[in-house]
Protein backbone atom coordinates (compact mmCIF):
# COMPACT_ATOMS: atom_id res chain seq x y z
CA MET A 1 56.12 -19.09 36.80
CA CYS A 2 57.50 -16.79 34.12
CA TRP A 3 57.57 -13.01 34.28
CA SER A 4 57.22 -12.72 30.53
CA CYS A 5 56.55 -15.23 27.81
CA ASN A 6 59.42 -16.24 25.55
CA PRO A 7 58.00 -17.40 22.18
CA ILE A 8 60.67 -20.13 21.92
CA CYS A 9 60.43 -21.48 25.51
CA GLY A 10 57.44 -23.86 25.33
CA GLY A 11 57.28 -24.38 29.10
CA CYS A 12 53.63 -23.58 29.74
CA ARG A 13 52.18 -23.15 26.26
CA PRO A 14 53.17 -24.37 22.80
CA PRO A 15 56.16 -22.48 21.39
CA ARG A 16 55.34 -20.04 18.59
CA LYS A 17 58.82 -20.16 17.13
CA ARG A 18 61.26 -23.01 16.85
CA PRO A 19 65.03 -22.58 16.65
CA VAL A 20 66.47 -24.75 13.88
CA LYS A 21 70.12 -25.21 12.94
CA CYS A 22 70.61 -25.54 9.20
CA PRO A 23 72.42 -28.80 8.34
CA GLU A 24 73.95 -27.22 5.24
CA CYS A 25 75.53 -24.01 6.54
CA GLY A 26 75.11 -24.21 10.35
CA ALA A 27 73.10 -20.99 10.66
CA PHE A 28 70.37 -20.80 13.31
CA ASN A 29 66.89 -19.84 12.11
CA ALA A 30 63.75 -19.10 14.14
CA VAL A 31 60.88 -20.71 12.21
CA ASP A 32 57.45 -19.27 13.01
CA LEU A 33 55.22 -22.29 13.69
CA GLU A 34 51.99 -20.27 13.67
CA HIS A 35 52.61 -19.05 10.13
CA MET A 36 54.53 -21.98 8.66
CA ALA A 37 54.64 -21.92 4.88
CA ALA A 38 54.96 -24.83 2.47
CA SER A 39 58.65 -23.97 2.28
CA ASN A 40 60.73 -22.46 5.08
CA PRO A 41 64.14 -21.63 3.62
CA CYS A 42 67.29 -20.96 5.63
CA THR A 43 67.99 -17.24 5.78
CA LYS A 44 71.63 -17.79 4.84
CA CYS A 45 71.74 -20.57 2.21
CA GLY A 46 68.09 -21.24 1.27
CA PHE A 47 67.96 -24.90 2.45
CA ASP A 48 64.35 -26.01 3.17
CA LEU A 49 63.93 -26.32 6.98
CA THR A 50 60.25 -27.34 7.01
CA GLU A 51 60.87 -30.97 7.99
CA LEU A 52 63.34 -30.02 10.73
CA ALA A 53 61.04 -27.31 12.14
CA THR A 54 57.89 -29.46 12.30
CA PRO A 55 57.44 -30.59 15.93
CA GLU A 56 56.79 -34.23 16.77
CA SER A 57 53.20 -34.83 17.88
CA VAL A 58 52.67 -36.46 21.28
CA THR A 59 49.77 -37.53 23.46
CA CYS A 60 49.17 -34.72 25.95
CA THR A 61 49.30 -35.91 29.58
CA ILE A 62 46.80 -33.20 30.61
CA CYS A 63 43.89 -34.12 28.33
CA GLY A 64 44.97 -37.49 26.86
CA GLU A 65 44.60 -36.31 23.24
CA ILE A 66 47.19 -35.80 20.51
CA CYS A 67 48.89 -32.39 20.46
CA TYR A 68 50.71 -31.35 17.30
CA ASN A 69 52.88 -28.67 18.99
CA PRO A 70 53.33 -29.84 22.58
CA CYS A 71 54.53 -27.73 25.48
CA ARG A 72 56.63 -29.17 28.30
CA LYS A 73 53.64 -28.96 30.67
CA GLY A 74 51.77 -31.53 28.57
CA ARG A 75 54.74 -33.93 28.47
CA THR A 76 55.13 -34.34 32.24
CA GLU A 77 52.94 -36.38 34.57
CA GLN A 78 50.14 -34.33 36.09
CA PRO A 79 49.27 -34.42 39.80
CA GLY A 80 46.24 -36.60 40.41
CA GLY A 81 46.62 -38.36 37.07
CA GLU A 82 43.13 -37.37 35.87
CA SER A 83 42.42 -36.01 32.40
CA GLN A 84 41.52 -32.34 32.29
CA PRO A 85 40.71 -30.00 29.41
CA CYS A 86 43.82 -28.42 27.91
CA ASN A 87 43.29 -24.86 26.65
CA VAL A 88 46.58 -24.64 24.74
CA ARG A 89 46.53 -27.97 22.85
CA VAL A 90 47.16 -27.70 19.11
CA SER A 91 44.51 -29.95 17.57
CA LYS A 92 45.54 -29.92 13.91
CA PRO A 93 48.85 -30.61 12.17
CA LEU A 94 51.01 -27.57 11.46
């Protein structure tokens, strides 16, 4: 269990920010997934990072429904194998 939540970790709840390396200039950018805009430019060169920052949706192993910003907890097999409600599932595309 964590002592404090890191917004990029994604271990127990969906990450709020996603680190993205710009393919044009190589700069790292932290894209805020909660406030994603139509365009998310690189802070150094202005390249649009929206497609690279958008997480891949998966079927959550906790509740069995699609999550659009999955955490690692929802990607691993759960003890008991039964579906349970997931309080942190992101139910709509970012």
